Structure formats: C-alpha cells, structure tokens
Amino acid sequence: MFKKTTSLCRALAVSAVLLGGFISQQASAHAHLKTETPAADTVVTVSPSELSLGFSEGIEPNFSKITLTDAENKTVKTGSMTLAANDKTQAVLPLPETLKSGKYLVTWSVVSVDGHKTHGQYSFTVK
C-alpha cells in the first residue's frame, strides 16, 4: 500500500511541475518573428517596395522599430513603419527608393501588446 501511495505522489508531483512550466510559458509569450518579406537569406532580383514582418502576436507600433542597413552599414532611407490594415501582428516598412544591388540587414525591435520586448535581425540580397 505504501509503495502505491509513494508512486502516486511522485506522479502527481511530476504532473504539477510539467503543468506549471506550461502555464508559465504561456504567460510569458513574446512577439517572435514568424514571417518576413523579403525572406531571410534570400536573393531577390527586383528591389522590394516595402519590408513586411509578421509576428506571433500583436505589436505596439509606437514602441517598435525596424531599420534597414546596406553592405557598408549605412542606414537606408525608409518610410514610417505602420501596421497592416486589420492586423496588429504585421509590420510594414515602406521603401521609397530603389535598393541598389547588394546585401541588406533588417534589424527589428518590437514591444508586444502585452508589454514584452523582443528584437532580432536577418539579411537578404538584391541582385
């Protein structure tokens, strides 16, 4: 009888730890980059007219930033970042000038609607 009770207690303890870890992961969700256009590490033959970054949850545009730098680490002139119509997870950055051939680095820093900050970068090349 004692052996069965000990096994049951251990099973309940393990279940509680696993459940607690799952709940805390959900509570600390962040806006992670899920999609990008142009896509990371791709070569495009036509200069894009905008950058589009999709996140795993809504972001606050007033506290978020996307920058584009060229192969010489010079900041590329862009328009103001906005959110796509009816989609708080999709950031759009207009590119008013044609990009020259070369490698570009996209650097982003966003604050999700729940207040968490995330950041990252990726590159693409214009041929």
N, C-alpha and C. Protein backbone atom coordinates (compact mmCIF):
# COMPACT_ATOMS: atom_id res chain seq x y z
N MET A 1 0.82 -1.19 0.00
CA MET A 1 0.00 0.00 0.00
C MET A 1 0.87 1.25 0.00
N PHE A 2 1.90 1.26 0.84
CA PHE A 2 2.79 2.41 0.94
C PHE A 2 3.48 2.68 -0.40
N LYS A 3 3.85 1.62 -1.12
CA LYS A 3 4.53 1.75 -2.40
C LYS A 3 3.62 2.42 -3.43
N LYS A 4 2.35 2.05 -3.46
CA LYS A 4 1.40 2.64 -4.39
C LYS A 4 1.18 4.13 -4.09
N THR A 5 1.10 4.47 -2.81
CA THR A 5 0.91 5.87 -2.41
C THR A 5 2.10 6.72 -2.82
N THR A 6 3.33 6.21 -2.62
CA THR A 6 4.55 6.93 -2.99
C THR A 6 4.59 7.15 -4.51
N SER A 7 4.25 6.13 -5.28
CA SER A 7 4.24 6.25 -6.74
C SER A 7 3.21 7.28 -7.19
N LEU A 8 2.06 7.28 -6.56
CA LEU A 8 1.02 8.25 -6.91
C LEU A 8 1.47 9.66 -6.58
N CYS A 9 2.10 9.84 -5.44
CA CYS A 9 2.60 11.17 -5.05
C CYS A 9 3.66 11.67 -6.03
N ARG A 10 4.55 10.78 -6.43
CA ARG A 10 5.58 11.16 -7.41
C ARG A 10 4.94 11.56 -8.74
N ALA A 11 3.98 10.79 -9.19
CA ALA A 11 3.31 11.09 -10.45
C ALA A 11 2.60 12.44 -10.39
N LEU A 12 1.94 12.71 -9.26
CA LEU A 12 1.27 14.00 -9.10
C LEU A 12 2.27 15.15 -9.06
N ALA A 13 3.41 14.94 -8.40
CA ALA A 13 4.44 15.99 -8.32
C ALA A 13 5.01 16.29 -9.69
N VAL A 14 5.30 15.26 -10.47
CA VAL A 14 5.82 15.45 -11.82
C VAL A 14 4.79 16.17 -12.69
N SER A 15 3.53 15.78 -12.57
CA SER A 15 2.46 16.43 -13.34
C SER A 15 2.35 17.91 -12.97
N ALA A 16 2.46 18.22 -11.69
CA ALA A 16 2.36 19.61 -11.24
C ALA A 16 3.51 20.44 -11.80
N VAL A 17 4.71 19.90 -11.80
CA VAL A 17 5.87 20.62 -12.34
C VAL A 17 5.70 20.87 -13.84
N LEU A 18 5.28 19.85 -14.56
CA LEU A 18 5.07 20.00 -16.01
C LEU A 18 3.98 21.01 -16.31
N LEU A 19 2.88 20.96 -15.58
CA LEU A 19 1.78 21.89 -15.78
C LEU A 19 2.21 23.31 -15.46
N GLY A 20 2.96 23.47 -14.38
CA GLY A 20 3.47 24.80 -14.01
C GLY A 20 4.37 25.38 -15.08
N GLY A 21 5.22 24.56 -15.67
CA GLY A 21 6.10 25.02 -16.75
C GLY A 21 5.31 25.43 -17.98
N PHE A 22 4.28 24.68 -18.31
CA PHE A 22 3.45 25.02 -19.46
C PHE A 22 2.72 26.33 -19.24
N ILE A 23 2.15 26.53 -18.07
CA ILE A 23 1.42 27.76 -17.76
C ILE A 23 2.36 28.96 -17.79
N SER A 24 3.56 28.83 -17.22
CA SER A 24 4.48 29.97 -17.20
C SER A 24 4.96 30.31 -18.59
N GLN A 25 5.10 29.33 -19.47
CA GLN A 25 5.48 29.60 -20.86
C GLN A 25 4.39 30.42 -21.54
N GLN A 26 3.15 30.08 -21.32
CA GLN A 26 2.05 30.80 -21.94
C GLN A 26 1.96 32.23 -21.41
N ALA A 27 2.22 32.42 -20.13
CA ALA A 27 2.12 33.73 -19.52
C ALA A 27 3.23 34.67 -19.98
N SER A 28 4.38 34.12 -20.39
CA SER A 28 5.49 34.96 -20.79
C SER A 28 5.70 34.95 -22.31
N ALA A 29 4.63 34.85 -23.05
CA ALA A 29 4.73 34.85 -24.51
C ALA A 29 5.27 36.19 -24.99
N HIS A 30 6.04 36.14 -26.06
CA HIS A 30 6.64 37.33 -26.66
C HIS A 30 6.29 37.35 -28.14
N ALA A 31 6.43 38.52 -28.75
CA ALA A 31 6.19 38.66 -30.19
C ALA A 31 7.43 38.19 -30.93
N HIS A 32 7.40 36.98 -31.45
CA HIS A 32 8.52 36.43 -32.20
C HIS A 32 8.27 36.60 -33.70
N LEU A 33 9.33 36.86 -34.44
CA LEU A 33 9.22 37.00 -35.90
C LEU A 33 8.85 35.65 -36.50
N LYS A 34 7.77 35.63 -37.26
CA LYS A 34 7.31 34.39 -37.88
C LYS A 34 7.49 34.41 -39.39
N THR A 35 7.28 35.59 -40.02
CA THR A 35 7.41 35.70 -41.47
C THR A 35 8.09 37.02 -41.81
N GLU A 36 8.75 37.05 -42.95
CA GLU A 36 9.35 38.28 -43.42
C GLU A 36 9.38 38.29 -44.94
N THR A 37 9.18 39.50 -45.50
CA THR A 37 9.24 39.69 -46.94
C THR A 37 10.05 40.94 -47.21
N PRO A 38 11.14 40.84 -47.96
CA PRO A 38 11.75 39.63 -48.50
C PRO A 38 12.17 38.68 -47.38
N ALA A 39 12.19 37.40 -47.72
CA ALA A 39 12.51 36.38 -46.73
C ALA A 39 13.99 36.41 -46.36
N ALA A 40 14.28 35.93 -45.17
CA ALA A 40 15.65 35.88 -44.68
C ALA A 40 16.53 35.03 -45.60
N ASP A 41 17.74 35.51 -45.83
CA ASP A 41 18.77 34.79 -46.58
C ASP A 41 18.38 34.49 -48.03
N THR A 42 17.49 35.31 -48.59
CA THR A 42 17.12 35.10 -49.98
C THR A 42 17.79 36.14 -50.88
N VAL A 43 17.78 35.85 -52.18
CA VAL A 43 18.26 36.79 -53.19
C VAL A 43 17.06 37.18 -54.02
N VAL A 44 16.79 38.49 -54.08
CA VAL A 44 15.67 38.99 -54.89
C VAL A 44 16.24 39.71 -56.10
N THR A 45 15.55 39.59 -57.22
CA THR A 45 16.04 40.22 -58.45
C THR A 45 15.43 41.60 -58.68
N VAL A 46 14.36 41.91 -57.94
CA VAL A 46 13.70 43.20 -58.04
C VAL A 46 13.72 43.85 -56.66
N SER A 47 14.04 45.13 -56.63
CA SER A 47 14.06 45.86 -55.37
C SER A 47 12.66 45.87 -54.76
N PRO A 48 12.53 45.47 -53.50
CA PRO A 48 11.20 45.49 -52.88
C PRO A 48 10.73 46.92 -52.63
N SER A 49 9.44 47.13 -52.64
CA SER A 49 8.87 48.45 -52.36
C SER A 49 8.58 48.63 -50.88
N GLU A 50 8.65 47.51 -50.12
CA GLU A 50 8.42 47.56 -48.69
C GLU A 50 8.98 46.31 -48.03
N LEU A 51 9.20 46.41 -46.73
CA LEU A 51 9.51 45.25 -45.90
C LEU A 51 8.25 44.91 -45.14
N SER A 52 7.99 43.63 -44.97
CA SER A 52 6.81 43.20 -44.22
C SER A 52 7.27 42.13 -43.23
N LEU A 53 7.04 42.39 -41.95
CA LEU A 53 7.43 41.46 -40.90
C LEU A 53 6.20 41.03 -40.12
N GLY A 54 5.99 39.73 -40.04
CA GLY A 54 4.85 39.19 -39.31
C GLY A 54 5.29 38.58 -37.99
N PHE A 55 4.61 38.93 -36.91
CA PHE A 55 4.97 38.47 -35.58
C PHE A 55 3.91 37.52 -35.01
N SER A 56 4.30 36.80 -33.98
CA SER A 56 3.43 35.79 -33.40
C SER A 56 2.28 36.38 -32.58
N GLU A 57 2.38 37.66 -32.24
CA GLU A 57 1.29 38.35 -31.54
C GLU A 57 1.34 39.82 -31.90
N GLY A 58 0.31 40.55 -31.54
CA GLY A 58 0.23 41.97 -31.87
C GLY A 58 1.38 42.77 -31.28
N ILE A 59 1.77 43.83 -32.00
CA ILE A 59 2.84 44.69 -31.53
C ILE A 59 2.35 46.13 -31.40
N GLU A 60 3.07 46.91 -30.59
CA GLU A 60 2.77 48.33 -30.38
C GLU A 60 3.66 49.14 -31.32
N PRO A 61 3.09 49.74 -32.37
CA PRO A 61 3.91 50.45 -33.35
C PRO A 61 4.67 51.65 -32.77
N ASN A 62 4.12 52.31 -31.77
CA ASN A 62 4.79 53.47 -31.19
C ASN A 62 6.04 53.10 -30.41
N PHE A 63 6.19 51.84 -30.05
CA PHE A 63 7.35 51.39 -29.27
C PHE A 63 8.18 50.36 -30.04
N SER A 64 7.95 50.26 -31.33
CA SER A 64 8.63 49.28 -32.17
C SER A 64 9.39 49.97 -33.29
N LYS A 65 10.44 49.32 -33.77
CA LYS A 65 11.28 49.96 -34.79
C LYS A 65 11.87 48.90 -35.71
N ILE A 66 11.94 49.25 -37.00
CA ILE A 66 12.61 48.42 -37.99
C ILE A 66 13.58 49.33 -38.73
N THR A 67 14.83 48.89 -38.86
CA THR A 67 15.81 49.65 -39.64
C THR A 67 16.41 48.75 -40.70
N LEU A 68 16.87 49.38 -41.77
CA LEU A 68 17.49 48.68 -42.89
C LEU A 68 18.85 49.31 -43.13
N THR A 69 19.89 48.49 -43.16
CA THR A 69 21.24 48.98 -43.46
C THR A 69 21.80 48.22 -44.65
N ASP A 70 22.68 48.91 -45.40
CA ASP A 70 23.28 48.28 -46.58
C ASP A 70 24.58 47.57 -46.21
N ALA A 71 25.28 47.06 -47.23
CA ALA A 71 26.51 46.30 -47.01
C ALA A 71 27.62 47.14 -46.37
N GLU A 72 27.53 48.46 -46.50
CA GLU A 72 28.51 49.36 -45.90
C GLU A 72 28.07 49.84 -44.51
N ASN A 73 27.03 49.23 -43.99
CA ASN A 73 26.46 49.55 -42.68
C ASN A 73 25.86 50.96 -42.63
N LYS A 74 25.43 51.46 -43.78
CA LYS A 74 24.76 52.76 -43.83
C LYS A 74 23.25 52.54 -43.77
N THR A 75 22.58 53.37 -42.98
CA THR A 75 21.14 53.27 -42.85
C THR A 75 20.46 53.68 -44.15
N VAL A 76 19.53 52.86 -44.61
CA VAL A 76 18.78 53.12 -45.83
C VAL A 76 17.54 53.93 -45.47
N LYS A 77 17.25 54.94 -46.28
CA LYS A 77 16.07 55.77 -46.06
C LYS A 77 14.81 54.93 -46.26
N THR A 78 13.90 55.04 -45.29
CA THR A 78 12.63 54.31 -45.37
C THR A 78 11.50 55.25 -45.00
N GLY A 79 10.30 54.78 -45.22
CA GLY A 79 9.13 55.49 -44.73
C GLY A 79 8.89 55.12 -43.28
N SER A 80 7.78 55.52 -42.74
CA SER A 80 7.43 55.20 -41.35
C SER A 80 6.78 53.82 -41.26
N MET A 81 7.17 53.08 -40.24
CA MET A 81 6.58 51.76 -40.02
C MET A 81 5.12 51.91 -39.61
N THR A 82 4.28 51.07 -40.17
CA THR A 82 2.87 51.02 -39.81
C THR A 82 2.47 49.57 -39.63
N LEU A 83 1.28 49.36 -39.12
CA LEU A 83 0.71 48.02 -39.07
C LEU A 83 -0.19 47.81 -40.26
N ALA A 84 -0.23 46.60 -40.76
CA ALA A 84 -1.13 46.27 -41.86
C ALA A 84 -2.57 46.50 -41.41
N ALA A 85 -3.41 46.86 -42.35
CA ALA A 85 -4.83 47.09 -42.04
C ALA A 85 -5.43 45.85 -41.39
N ASN A 86 -6.08 46.04 -40.25
CA ASN A 86 -6.76 44.97 -39.52
C ASN A 86 -5.86 43.82 -39.08
N ASP A 87 -4.54 44.07 -38.93
CA ASP A 87 -3.63 43.01 -38.49
C ASP A 87 -2.52 43.61 -37.63
N LYS A 88 -2.67 43.55 -36.31
CA LYS A 88 -1.68 44.14 -35.40
C LYS A 88 -0.42 43.30 -35.27
N THR A 89 -0.36 42.18 -35.99
CA THR A 89 0.84 41.34 -35.95
C THR A 89 1.76 41.61 -37.14
N GLN A 90 1.31 42.39 -38.12
CA GLN A 90 2.04 42.58 -39.37
C GLN A 90 2.56 44.01 -39.48
N ALA A 91 3.90 44.18 -39.38
CA ALA A 91 4.53 45.49 -39.52
C ALA A 91 4.96 45.69 -40.97
N VAL A 92 4.74 46.90 -41.47
CA VAL A 92 5.09 47.23 -42.86
C VAL A 92 5.99 48.46 -42.84
N LEU A 93 7.11 48.36 -43.55
CA LEU A 93 8.06 49.46 -43.65
C LEU A 93 8.25 49.81 -45.12
N PRO A 94 7.71 50.96 -45.58
CA PRO A 94 7.84 51.35 -46.98
C PRO A 94 9.29 51.67 -47.34
N LEU A 95 9.67 51.31 -48.56
CA LEU A 95 10.99 51.64 -49.10
C LEU A 95 10.79 52.55 -50.30
N PRO A 96 10.87 53.87 -50.09
CA PRO A 96 10.53 54.83 -51.15
C PRO A 96 11.54 54.87 -52.29
N GLU A 97 12.76 54.41 -52.06
CA GLU A 97 13.79 54.44 -53.10
C GLU A 97 14.19 53.02 -53.48
N THR A 98 14.57 52.86 -54.74
CA THR A 98 15.01 51.56 -55.23
C THR A 98 16.32 51.17 -54.55
N LEU A 99 16.39 49.94 -54.09
CA LEU A 99 17.61 49.44 -53.45
C LEU A 99 18.61 49.04 -54.52
N LYS A 100 19.86 49.41 -54.31
CA LYS A 100 20.94 49.00 -55.22
C LYS A 100 21.28 47.54 -54.96
N SER A 101 21.99 46.95 -55.90
CA SER A 101 22.44 45.57 -55.71
C SER A 101 23.33 45.48 -54.48
N GLY A 102 23.15 44.43 -53.72
CA GLY A 102 23.98 44.22 -52.53
C GLY A 102 23.20 43.54 -51.42
N LYS A 103 23.90 43.33 -50.32
CA LYS A 103 23.31 42.67 -49.16
C LYS A 103 22.76 43.72 -48.20
N TYR A 104 21.60 43.42 -47.61
CA TYR A 104 20.93 44.34 -46.68
C TYR A 104 20.63 43.61 -45.38
N LEU A 105 20.71 44.37 -44.29
CA LEU A 105 20.42 43.84 -42.97
C LEU A 105 19.19 44.53 -42.41
N VAL A 106 18.22 43.72 -42.02
CA VAL A 106 17.00 44.22 -41.38
C VAL A 106 17.15 43.98 -39.88
N THR A 107 17.05 45.05 -39.10
CA THR A 107 17.13 44.96 -37.66
C THR A 107 15.80 45.42 -37.08
N TRP A 108 15.24 44.62 -36.20
CA TRP A 108 13.93 44.97 -35.64
C TRP A 108 13.94 44.85 -34.12
N SER A 109 13.13 45.69 -33.52
CA SER A 109 12.92 45.70 -32.08
C SER A 109 11.46 46.05 -31.87
N VAL A 110 10.72 45.15 -31.24
CA VAL A 110 9.29 45.38 -31.07
C VAL A 110 8.86 45.18 -29.63
N VAL A 111 7.78 45.83 -29.28
CA VAL A 111 7.12 45.62 -28.00
C VAL A 111 5.75 45.03 -28.32
N SER A 112 5.48 43.87 -27.74
CA SER A 112 4.19 43.23 -28.00
C SER A 112 3.09 43.94 -27.22
N VAL A 113 1.85 43.67 -27.57
CA VAL A 113 0.72 44.32 -26.92
C VAL A 113 0.66 44.01 -25.42
N ASP A 114 1.32 42.92 -24.99
CA ASP A 114 1.35 42.63 -23.55
C ASP A 114 2.58 43.21 -22.86
N GLY A 115 3.37 44.03 -23.59
CA GLY A 115 4.48 44.76 -22.99
C GLY A 115 5.85 44.11 -23.08
N HIS A 116 5.96 42.92 -23.64
CA HIS A 116 7.26 42.25 -23.74
C HIS A 116 8.05 42.77 -24.94
N LYS A 117 9.36 42.94 -24.75
CA LYS A 117 10.25 43.41 -25.81
C LYS A 117 10.99 42.22 -26.42
N THR A 118 11.11 42.24 -27.75
CA THR A 118 11.93 41.27 -28.46
C THR A 118 12.66 42.00 -29.58
N HIS A 119 13.73 41.40 -30.05
CA HIS A 119 14.50 42.02 -31.13
C HIS A 119 15.22 40.95 -31.93
N GLY A 120 15.68 41.33 -33.10
CA GLY A 120 16.42 40.39 -33.94
C GLY A 120 16.84 41.05 -35.23
N GLN A 121 17.43 40.26 -36.09
CA GLN A 121 17.84 40.76 -37.39
C GLN A 121 17.95 39.60 -38.37
N TYR A 122 17.88 39.95 -39.65
CA TYR A 122 18.08 38.99 -40.72
C TYR A 122 18.56 39.76 -41.94
N SER A 123 19.03 39.04 -42.93
CA SER A 123 19.52 39.72 -44.13
C SER A 123 18.90 39.14 -45.38
N PHE A 124 18.97 39.92 -46.44
CA PHE A 124 18.58 39.48 -47.78
C PHE A 124 19.47 40.22 -48.76
N THR A 125 19.50 39.75 -49.99
CA THR A 125 20.35 40.34 -51.01
C THR A 125 19.52 40.75 -52.21
N VAL A 126 19.84 41.93 -52.77
CA VAL A 126 19.23 42.38 -54.02
C VAL A 126 20.27 42.15 -55.10
N LYS A 127 19.88 41.44 -56.14
CA LYS A 127 20.82 41.12 -57.24
C LYS A 127 20.73 42.14 -58.34
